[in-house]
Amino acid sequence: MTLLLQLCIIALARSAYAGTFSLADSYQGQDFINQWTFQKISDPTHGYVNYVDKSTAVSQGLVFASGSNFTLKADDKNVVSSTASGRNSVRIQSPKAYDSHVTVVNLSHMPKGCGTWPSIWEVGPDWPNGGEVSEPNKSTLHTSAGCTIPSSPAHTAYRKVVSTNCKSAGGDNTGCGIQYSSNSNSYGHSFNVIEGGFYASERTATEVKIWFWPRTASNIPSDVKSGSGSINTNNWGTPQAYFPDTSCDIGSHFHDNNIIINLTFCGDYAGATYANSGCPSTCDSYVKNNPSEMSNAYFNIMWLKVYKCVYSFP
């Protein structure tokens, strides 16, 4: 455990400091292209996708900045070659890894369409060791063995627990998840119609919390909406998902994590539910042969900010 994390734990234990974080890193527009790593790798979720390198992504218009806005998308012009691993798309990783921190994402559009699987998530280099936190719509933790969450949330507003064992190994990648039962506008078409909103996650040595505020909500905290230089999560109200350390030593199961933004297709996730989605054909075939149907398969990110805990004392 680093000295910084030890100080952070002490600080969070004091009511005057609990929930208080200061801005560590801010990314918008061209920052994502210039500073983040483009991962040209085989998709670990076995998706029908071909992650391209930075030069290809830029030349094909799969990433671009318009002022402070950043767009990440899939190819929507070409039928996929029969020899390709899948549709051209992008996976990027933050330049830094974070231990205890808060991430806030101001997102105005997320990918939509049959077979799409967009993700904004945090993960270490030795998955599932070191932990994973994923956000949109259903918040999920993935860990090594020995981490579970309560079957009933401590607060009725914490939505629906859909799985309790966070262990992800041996072919079971379910993890432990909480569904946002009351927020249909937290993803997909409904999310895009209202021009998105704000996702935030807080991870400390004792808990993980995730919030979502639609852009049209009247209760968006002022420090979230403005992207303030300092935030206080105690003022943010009940999170959409709450993972306590009741039966999981979060400090030992979660290490330094990078932030990943990617768009894949089919595979372990979207592919598993495709037959019941109402979409035509098979998942791989549809994604391969219908480039124009991918025109809404893009992220538009207005900014992403990472905050670290305030640990100085009077």
Protein backbone atom coordinates (compact mmCIF):
# COMPACT_ATOMS: atom_id res chain seq x y z
CA MET A 1 0.00 0.00 0.00
CA THR A 2 1.43 3.36 -1.01
CA LEU A 3 1.89 6.23 1.43
CA LEU A 4 -0.59 8.27 -0.61
CA LEU A 5 -3.24 5.58 -0.25
CA GLN A 6 -2.57 5.24 3.48
CA LEU A 7 -3.01 8.99 3.93
CA CYS A 8 -6.12 8.89 1.80
CA ILE A 9 -7.69 6.18 3.96
CA ILE A 10 -6.93 8.22 7.10
CA ALA A 11 -8.39 11.32 5.50
CA LEU A 12 -11.55 9.56 4.39
CA ALA A 13 -12.05 8.33 7.94
CA ARG A 14 -12.28 11.93 9.17
CA SER A 15 -15.67 13.48 8.58
CA ALA A 16 -14.18 16.83 7.58
CA TYR A 17 -12.37 15.17 4.67
CA ALA A 18 -14.57 12.20 3.75
CA GLY A 19 -15.81 12.54 0.19
CA THR A 20 -13.46 15.42 -0.65
CA PHE A 21 -11.32 15.05 -3.77
CA SER A 22 -9.23 17.42 -5.89
CA LEU A 23 -8.69 17.42 -9.65
CA ALA A 24 -5.70 15.32 -10.72
CA ASP A 25 -6.16 14.92 -14.48
CA SER A 26 -8.52 16.38 -17.07
CA TYR A 27 -9.01 15.18 -20.65
CA GLN A 28 -11.03 16.73 -23.45
CA GLY A 29 -10.93 16.99 -27.22
CA GLN A 30 -7.48 16.36 -28.67
CA ASP A 31 -6.14 15.15 -25.29
CA PHE A 32 -7.61 11.70 -25.93
CA ILE A 33 -5.80 11.44 -29.28
CA ASN A 34 -2.50 12.89 -28.10
CA GLN A 35 -2.20 11.36 -24.63
CA TRP A 36 -4.13 8.08 -24.55
CA THR A 37 -2.74 4.77 -25.85
CA PHE A 38 -4.44 3.18 -28.86
CA GLN A 39 -4.54 -0.56 -28.19
CA LYS A 40 -4.28 -2.60 -31.39
CA ILE A 41 -5.00 -5.93 -29.70
CA SER A 42 -7.23 -8.95 -30.05
CA ASP A 43 -10.47 -8.27 -28.23
CA PRO A 44 -10.37 -10.04 -24.83
CA THR A 45 -14.19 -10.35 -24.96
CA HIS A 46 -13.97 -12.20 -28.32
CA GLY A 47 -15.90 -9.54 -30.19
CA TYR A 48 -16.29 -9.22 -33.95
CA VAL A 49 -13.94 -6.25 -34.04
CA ASN A 50 -10.59 -5.10 -35.38
CA TYR A 51 -9.02 -2.57 -33.03
CA VAL A 52 -6.82 -0.25 -35.10
CA ASP A 53 -3.75 1.81 -34.24
CA LYS A 54 -3.70 5.57 -33.81
CA SER A 55 -2.66 6.49 -37.35
CA THR A 56 -5.36 4.26 -38.86
CA ALA A 57 -8.00 5.58 -36.48
CA VAL A 58 -7.17 9.18 -37.37
CA SER A 59 -6.90 8.60 -41.13
CA GLN A 60 -10.20 6.68 -41.25
CA GLY A 61 -12.00 9.26 -39.12
CA LEU A 62 -12.65 6.83 -36.29
CA VAL A 63 -11.40 9.40 -33.77
CA PHE A 64 -11.49 13.16 -34.03
CA ALA A 65 -11.84 16.28 -31.91
CA SER A 66 -14.21 19.20 -32.44
CA GLY A 67 -13.09 21.86 -30.02
CA SER A 68 -13.38 20.33 -26.56
CA ASN A 69 -15.47 17.37 -27.77
CA PHE A 70 -13.95 13.98 -28.59
CA THR A 71 -15.56 11.38 -30.84
CA LEU A 72 -14.67 7.67 -30.97
CA LYS A 73 -16.52 5.50 -33.47
CA ALA A 74 -16.51 2.39 -35.62
CA ASP A 75 -16.18 2.20 -39.39
CA ASP A 76 -19.60 2.89 -40.92
CA LYS A 77 -18.60 2.89 -44.59
CA ASN A 78 -17.31 -0.57 -45.50
CA VAL A 79 -18.55 -4.14 -45.58
CA VAL A 80 -16.03 -6.12 -43.55
CA SER A 81 -13.60 -8.29 -45.51
CA SER A 82 -14.05 -12.03 -45.07
CA THR A 83 -10.42 -12.24 -43.91
CA ALA A 84 -10.75 -9.54 -41.22
CA SER A 85 -11.26 -10.23 -37.52
CA GLY A 86 -14.21 -7.83 -37.47
CA ARG A 87 -15.31 -4.25 -38.00
CA ASN A 88 -12.68 -1.55 -37.56
CA SER A 89 -13.06 0.19 -34.23
CA VAL A 90 -11.01 1.76 -31.44
CA ARG A 91 -9.89 0.92 -27.92
CA ILE A 92 -7.94 3.54 -25.95
CA GLN A 93 -6.31 3.48 -22.51
CA SER A 94 -5.59 6.36 -20.13
CA PRO A 95 -1.94 7.41 -19.75
CA LYS A 96 -2.10 6.93 -15.97
CA ALA A 97 -3.39 4.25 -13.61
CA TYR A 98 -5.29 5.20 -10.45
CA ASP A 99 -5.84 3.73 -6.99
CA SER A 100 -8.37 5.55 -4.77
CA HIS A 101 -10.02 8.16 -6.97
CA VAL A 102 -13.18 9.56 -8.53
CA THR A 103 -13.80 9.58 -12.29
CA VAL A 104 -16.43 11.88 -13.82
CA VAL A 105 -17.39 11.56 -17.50
CA ASN A 106 -19.47 14.18 -19.32
CA LEU A 107 -20.90 12.13 -22.18
CA SER A 108 -23.35 13.45 -24.79
CA HIS A 109 -23.68 10.35 -27.01
CA MET A 110 -22.91 6.66 -26.65
CA PRO A 111 -22.82 3.99 -29.37
CA LYS A 112 -26.16 2.49 -30.36
CA GLY A 113 -27.12 -0.23 -32.79
CA CYS A 114 -27.57 -3.96 -33.20
CA GLY A 115 -24.54 -5.87 -31.97
CA THR A 116 -22.77 -2.88 -30.41
CA TRP A 117 -21.08 -3.18 -27.02
CA PRO A 118 -19.66 0.17 -25.84
CA SER A 119 -17.68 0.32 -22.62
CA ILE A 120 -16.10 2.86 -20.31
CA TRP A 121 -14.36 0.88 -17.62
CA GLU A 122 -11.37 0.68 -15.31
CA VAL A 123 -9.04 -2.31 -15.17
CA GLY A 124 -5.53 -3.40 -14.19
CA PRO A 125 -2.92 -5.21 -16.29
CA ASP A 126 -3.57 -8.67 -14.79
CA TRP A 127 -7.33 -9.10 -15.16
CA PRO A 128 -9.24 -10.12 -13.08
CA ASN A 129 -6.52 -9.69 -10.44
CA GLY A 130 -6.40 -6.01 -9.59
CA GLY A 131 -10.11 -5.60 -10.24
CA GLU A 132 -12.38 -4.06 -12.85
CA VAL A 133 -15.16 -1.47 -12.57
CA SER A 134 -17.54 -1.00 -15.51
CA GLU A 135 -20.32 1.55 -15.63
CA PRO A 136 -23.01 2.19 -18.25
CA ASN A 137 -26.50 0.91 -17.39
CA LYS A 138 -25.42 -2.10 -15.28
CA SER A 139 -22.49 -1.42 -12.96
CA THR A 140 -20.28 -4.46 -12.49
CA LEU A 141 -17.18 -5.43 -10.54
CA HIS A 142 -14.80 -8.18 -11.64
CA THR A 143 -12.20 -9.54 -9.22
CA SER A 144 -10.19 -12.57 -8.23
CA ALA A 145 -11.77 -15.10 -5.85
CA GLY A 146 -13.02 -14.06 -2.43
CA CYS A 147 -15.11 -10.98 -3.19
CA THR A 148 -18.91 -10.90 -3.02
CA ILE A 149 -21.59 -8.25 -2.49
CA PRO A 150 -24.82 -8.39 -0.45
CA SER A 151 -27.81 -9.87 -2.28
CA SER A 152 -29.98 -6.97 -1.10
CA PRO A 153 -28.58 -3.43 -1.25
CA ALA A 154 -28.38 -1.50 2.00
CA HIS A 155 -30.68 1.14 0.54
CA THR A 156 -33.75 0.44 -1.59
CA ALA A 157 -32.68 3.10 -4.07
CA TYR A 158 -29.62 1.03 -4.98
CA ARG A 159 -31.60 -0.67 -7.75
CA LYS A 160 -31.48 -4.39 -8.47
CA VAL A 161 -28.63 -6.73 -7.59
CA VAL A 162 -28.34 -9.17 -10.51
CA SER A 163 -25.27 -11.14 -9.39
CA THR A 164 -23.34 -11.31 -6.13
CA ASN A 165 -20.08 -13.17 -6.81
CA CYS A 166 -17.46 -10.79 -8.21
CA LYS A 167 -15.03 -13.58 -9.09
CA SER A 168 -14.29 -13.65 -12.82
CA ALA A 169 -12.25 -16.70 -13.74
CA GLY A 170 -12.56 -20.14 -15.27
CA GLY A 171 -14.74 -18.94 -18.13
CA ASP A 172 -17.29 -17.16 -15.92
CA ASN A 173 -17.01 -13.43 -16.62
CA THR A 174 -20.33 -12.41 -15.05
CA GLY A 175 -18.91 -10.53 -12.07
CA CYS A 176 -21.18 -8.89 -9.49
CA GLY A 177 -23.60 -6.36 -10.90
CA ILE A 178 -26.31 -3.86 -10.04
CA GLN A 179 -28.92 -2.92 -12.66
CA TYR A 180 -30.17 0.66 -12.92
CA SER A 181 -33.82 -0.35 -12.84
CA SER A 182 -35.20 3.19 -12.65
CA ASN A 183 -33.04 4.89 -15.29
CA SER A 184 -33.90 3.71 -18.80
CA ASN A 185 -32.20 6.86 -20.10
CA SER A 186 -28.82 5.77 -18.73
CA TYR A 187 -27.85 4.15 -22.03
CA GLY A 188 -28.84 3.63 -25.66
CA HIS A 189 -31.37 5.62 -27.66
CA SER A 190 -33.03 7.25 -24.64
CA PHE A 191 -29.63 8.42 -23.40
CA ASN A 192 -28.78 9.97 -26.76
CA VAL A 193 -32.14 11.72 -27.17
CA ILE A 194 -31.49 13.81 -24.05
CA GLU A 195 -27.84 14.38 -25.06
CA GLY A 196 -26.54 12.04 -22.40
CA GLY A 197 -25.44 13.06 -18.96
CA PHE A 198 -22.78 12.51 -16.32
CA TYR A 199 -21.37 9.21 -15.07
CA ALA A 200 -19.22 9.22 -11.95
CA SER A 201 -17.46 6.47 -10.01
CA GLU A 202 -15.75 6.66 -6.64
CA ARG A 203 -13.34 3.95 -5.56
CA THR A 204 -11.68 3.88 -2.15
CA ALA A 205 -10.20 1.08 -0.06
CA THR A 206 -13.61 0.45 1.52
CA GLU A 207 -16.26 0.95 -1.17
CA VAL A 208 -17.15 1.57 -4.80
CA LYS A 209 -19.97 3.95 -5.71
CA ILE A 210 -21.37 4.82 -9.13
CA TRP A 211 -23.73 7.67 -10.03
CA PHE A 212 -25.56 8.69 -13.17
CA TRP A 213 -27.35 11.99 -13.78
CA PRO A 214 -29.28 12.54 -17.03
CA ARG A 215 -28.45 15.88 -18.62
CA THR A 216 -32.08 16.93 -18.10
CA ALA A 217 -32.00 16.20 -14.34
CA SER A 218 -32.51 19.05 -11.90
CA ASN A 219 -30.35 17.44 -9.21
CA ILE A 220 -26.96 17.34 -10.96
CA PRO A 221 -24.45 18.47 -8.31
CA SER A 222 -22.90 21.81 -9.21
CA ASP A 223 -19.34 20.49 -8.86
CA VAL A 224 -20.15 17.66 -11.28
CA LYS A 225 -21.88 19.87 -13.84
CA SER A 226 -19.10 22.45 -13.89
CA GLY A 227 -16.20 19.99 -13.73
CA SER A 228 -14.96 21.82 -10.66
CA GLY A 229 -11.37 21.68 -9.43
CA SER A 230 -12.58 20.08 -6.20
CA ILE A 231 -15.58 17.85 -5.47
CA ASN A 232 -17.39 16.45 -2.45
CA THR A 233 -19.13 13.15 -3.15
CA ASN A 234 -20.98 13.36 0.18
CA ASN A 235 -23.21 15.94 -1.50
CA TRP A 236 -24.08 13.79 -4.50
CA GLY A 237 -26.99 11.86 -3.04
CA THR A 238 -27.70 8.16 -3.34
CA PRO A 239 -25.56 6.43 -5.98
CA GLN A 240 -27.05 4.21 -8.66
CA ALA A 241 -24.79 1.38 -7.53
CA TYR A 242 -23.04 0.79 -4.21
CA PHE A 243 -20.49 -1.95 -3.52
CA PRO A 244 -19.44 -2.06 0.18
CA ASP A 245 -16.57 -3.99 1.74
CA THR A 246 -19.00 -6.09 3.80
CA SER A 247 -17.81 -9.34 2.22
CA CYS A 248 -15.06 -8.04 -0.05
CA ASP A 249 -11.72 -6.55 0.93
CA ILE A 250 -11.80 -3.89 -1.77
CA GLY A 251 -8.38 -2.57 -0.84
CA SER A 252 -6.76 -5.93 -1.60
CA HIS A 253 -8.88 -6.86 -4.63
CA PHE A 254 -8.47 -3.54 -6.44
CA HIS A 255 -5.09 -2.11 -7.41
CA ASP A 256 -4.04 0.67 -9.79
CA ASN A 257 -6.46 0.68 -12.73
CA ASN A 258 -6.32 2.36 -16.12
CA ILE A 259 -9.44 3.81 -17.72
CA ILE A 260 -10.46 2.09 -20.98
CA ILE A 261 -12.88 3.41 -23.61
CA ASN A 262 -13.77 0.98 -26.39
CA LEU A 263 -16.45 -0.10 -28.82
CA THR A 264 -16.68 -3.78 -29.68
CA PHE A 265 -19.36 -5.88 -31.38
CA CYS A 266 -21.00 -9.21 -30.57
CA GLY A 267 -18.61 -11.48 -28.64
CA ASP A 268 -19.15 -12.61 -25.06
CA TYR A 269 -21.58 -9.82 -24.22
CA ALA A 270 -23.64 -8.44 -27.12
CA GLY A 271 -23.35 -11.76 -28.93
CA ALA A 272 -24.80 -13.69 -26.00
CA THR A 273 -28.01 -11.62 -25.99
CA TYR A 274 -28.35 -10.99 -29.72
CA ALA A 275 -30.89 -13.75 -30.45
CA ASN A 276 -33.40 -12.14 -28.07
CA SER A 277 -32.67 -8.53 -29.04
CA GLY A 278 -35.08 -8.26 -31.97
CA CYS A 279 -32.21 -7.60 -34.37
CA PRO A 280 -32.02 -9.43 -37.73
CA SER A 281 -29.70 -12.19 -38.94
CA THR A 282 -26.83 -13.32 -36.71
CA CYS A 283 -24.74 -10.81 -34.79
CA ASP A 284 -21.48 -11.23 -36.73
CA SER A 285 -23.25 -11.31 -40.10
CA TYR A 286 -25.27 -8.19 -39.38
CA VAL A 287 -22.27 -6.20 -38.18
CA LYS A 288 -20.19 -7.41 -41.13
CA ASN A 289 -22.65 -6.56 -43.89
CA ASN A 290 -24.44 -3.40 -42.73
CA PRO A 291 -21.96 -0.52 -42.39
CA SER A 292 -24.63 2.18 -42.73
CA GLU A 293 -26.38 0.77 -39.65
CA MET A 294 -23.28 1.68 -37.64
CA SER A 295 -23.72 5.43 -38.18
CA ASN A 296 -24.90 5.86 -34.57
CA ALA A 297 -22.14 3.67 -33.15
CA TYR A 298 -20.02 6.41 -31.61
CA PHE A 299 -19.06 8.05 -28.33
CA ASN A 300 -19.10 11.81 -27.99
CA ILE A 301 -17.24 12.78 -24.83
CA MET A 302 -17.28 16.39 -23.70
CA TRP A 303 -14.69 15.76 -20.98
CA LEU A 304 -13.38 13.19 -18.53
CA LYS A 305 -11.87 14.20 -15.19
CA VAL A 306 -10.08 12.20 -12.51
CA TYR A 307 -9.96 13.37 -8.89
CA LYS A 308 -7.71 12.16 -6.08
CA CYS A 309 -8.51 12.33 -2.40
CA VAL A 310 -7.49 15.35 -0.33
CA TYR A 311 -5.12 14.07 2.37
CA SER A 312 -3.51 17.17 3.89
CA PHE A 313 -4.52 17.96 7.47
CA PRO A 314 -4.69 21.25 9.42
